[in-house]
C-alpha cells in the first residue's frame, strides 16, 4: 500500500506542471494539449502521442525504480530478482509503447491518401 501511495504521489508531482499551466488574460481556461480547432486526424494523433508519451514516462520511471531497488538490495538475492523483474517488465512496456507509436504513425501516413 505504501508503494502504491508513493507511486501515485510521484505521478501527481510530475503532472503538476501540466495541470497548472495558467495563462493570464488569454481566455484559455485549462490545458488543450494542442487539440483546438484541428482536424480529426491531427487531433487523434495528438491524443495518441500524448498518451503514449505519458506511458513511456511511466516505463522509464519504473526502470529507475527497479535500478534503485537493485542498488539498495544489499546483495539479497530475492530483492535482486524482484528488481530484475521490475526492470524487465518496464523495458517490455517501453518496447510496446514504442511499437504502438510506430504503428500509429504508419497507419496515419498510409491512410492519409484515402479519400471519402
Protein backbone atom coordinates (compact mmCIF):
# COMPACT_ATOMS: atom_id res chain seq x y z
CA UNK A 1 0.00 0.00 0.00
CA UNK A 2 2.92 2.33 0.76
CA UNK A 3 4.42 1.70 -2.68
CA UNK A 4 1.13 2.47 -4.39
CA UNK A 5 0.72 5.69 -2.44
CA UNK A 6 4.29 6.79 -3.13
CA UNK A 7 3.90 5.94 -6.82
CA UNK A 8 0.69 7.95 -7.10
CA UNK A 9 2.33 10.84 -5.25
CA UNK A 10 5.28 10.76 -7.65
CA UNK A 11 2.99 10.79 -10.68
CA UNK A 12 0.95 13.63 -9.15
CA UNK A 13 4.09 15.68 -8.56
CA UNK A 14 5.27 15.08 -12.13
CA UNK A 15 1.85 16.04 -13.52
CA UNK A 16 1.59 19.35 -11.62
CA UNK A 17 3.30 21.46 -14.32
CA UNK A 18 0.85 20.24 -16.98
CA UNK A 19 -2.18 20.90 -14.79
CA UNK A 20 -1.07 24.30 -13.52
CA UNK A 21 -0.19 25.83 -16.88
CA UNK A 22 -2.13 29.03 -16.17
CA UNK A 23 -2.00 31.91 -18.62
CA UNK A 24 -3.26 35.33 -17.64
CA UNK A 25 -5.58 37.26 -19.96
CA UNK A 26 -5.75 34.82 -22.88
CA UNK A 27 -9.23 33.49 -22.25
CA UNK A 28 -7.81 29.96 -22.29
CA UNK A 29 -9.18 28.04 -19.33
CA UNK A 30 -7.20 24.84 -18.90
CA UNK A 31 -4.78 22.81 -20.97
CA UNK A 32 -5.85 21.97 -24.52
CA UNK A 33 -2.99 19.59 -25.42
CA UNK A 34 -2.87 21.09 -28.90
CA UNK A 35 -6.40 19.94 -29.79
CA UNK A 36 -8.02 23.33 -30.51
CA UNK A 37 -9.75 23.52 -33.89
CA UNK A 38 -7.57 20.97 -35.68
CA UNK A 39 -8.99 18.32 -37.98
CA UNK A 40 -9.82 14.84 -36.75
CA UNK A 41 -6.58 13.24 -37.98
CA UNK A 42 -4.26 15.62 -36.17
CA UNK A 43 -6.47 15.53 -33.06
CA UNK A 44 -6.27 11.74 -32.87
CA UNK A 45 -2.52 11.79 -33.47
CA UNK A 46 -2.03 14.43 -30.76
CA UNK A 47 -4.08 12.47 -28.23
CA UNK A 48 -2.35 9.17 -29.03
CA UNK A 49 1.11 10.75 -28.88
CA UNK A 50 0.31 12.43 -25.56
CA UNK A 51 -0.95 9.17 -24.02
CA UNK A 52 1.97 7.14 -25.38
CA UNK A 53 4.42 9.78 -24.15
CA UNK A 54 2.90 9.55 -20.67
CA UNK A 55 3.12 5.74 -20.74
CA UNK A 56 6.74 5.96 -21.91
CA UNK A 57 7.48 8.27 -18.99
CA UNK A 58 5.94 5.77 -16.58
CA UNK A 59 8.06 2.98 -18.11
CA UNK A 60 11.25 5.00 -17.67
CA UNK A 61 10.31 5.79 -14.07
CA UNK A 62 9.73 2.07 -13.43
CA UNK A 63 13.18 1.30 -14.87
CA UNK A 64 14.67 3.83 -12.45
CA UNK A 65 12.72 2.33 -9.56
CA UNK A 66 13.96 -1.16 -10.45
CA UNK A 67 17.53 0.12 -10.65
CA UNK A 68 17.18 1.78 -7.26
CA UNK A 69 15.81 -1.46 -5.80
CA UNK A 70 18.74 -3.35 -7.25
CA UNK A 71 21.26 -0.86 -5.85
CA UNK A 72 19.71 -0.95 -2.39
CA UNK A 73 19.24 -4.73 -2.28
CA UNK A 74 22.44 -5.24 -0.35
CA UNK A 75 23.18 -8.49 -2.15
CA UNK A 76 19.88 -10.10 -1.13
CA UNK A 77 19.06 -12.48 -3.99
CA UNK A 78 15.28 -12.14 -3.56
CA UNK A 79 15.43 -8.35 -3.81
CA UNK A 80 17.78 -8.55 -6.81
CA UNK A 81 15.39 -10.96 -8.54
CA UNK A 82 12.47 -8.64 -7.78
CA UNK A 83 14.38 -5.66 -9.17
CA UNK A 84 15.25 -7.62 -12.33
CA UNK A 85 11.57 -8.46 -12.81
CA UNK A 86 10.61 -4.79 -12.47
CA UNK A 87 13.29 -3.69 -14.93
CA UNK A 88 12.44 -6.37 -17.49
CA UNK A 89 8.70 -5.63 -17.27
CA UNK A 90 9.38 -1.90 -17.67
CA UNK A 91 11.64 -2.48 -20.69
CA UNK A 92 8.98 -4.69 -22.29
CA UNK A 93 6.41 -1.97 -21.60
CA UNK A 94 8.66 0.65 -23.16
CA UNK A 95 9.11 -1.54 -26.26
CA UNK A 96 5.33 -1.97 -26.51
CA UNK A 97 4.84 1.81 -26.25
CA UNK A 98 7.42 2.46 -28.96
CA UNK A 99 5.87 -0.16 -31.25
CA UNK A 100 2.40 1.31 -30.67
CA UNK A 101 3.72 4.75 -31.59
CA UNK A 102 5.32 3.35 -34.76
CA UNK A 103 2.07 1.60 -35.73
CA UNK A 104 0.05 4.78 -35.23
CA UNK A 105 2.46 6.81 -37.34
CA UNK A 106 2.44 4.10 -40.05
CA UNK A 107 -1.35 3.89 -40.14
CA UNK A 108 -1.78 7.66 -40.25
CA UNK A 109 0.79 8.01 -43.02
CA UNK A 110 -0.85 5.28 -45.13
CA UNK A 111 -4.45 6.33 -44.59
CA UNK A 112 -3.67 9.99 -45.26
CA UNK A 113 -4.08 9.42 -49.01
CA UNK A 114 -7.55 7.88 -48.74
CA UNK A 115 -10.50 9.96 -49.85
CA UNK A 116 -14.11 9.81 -48.76
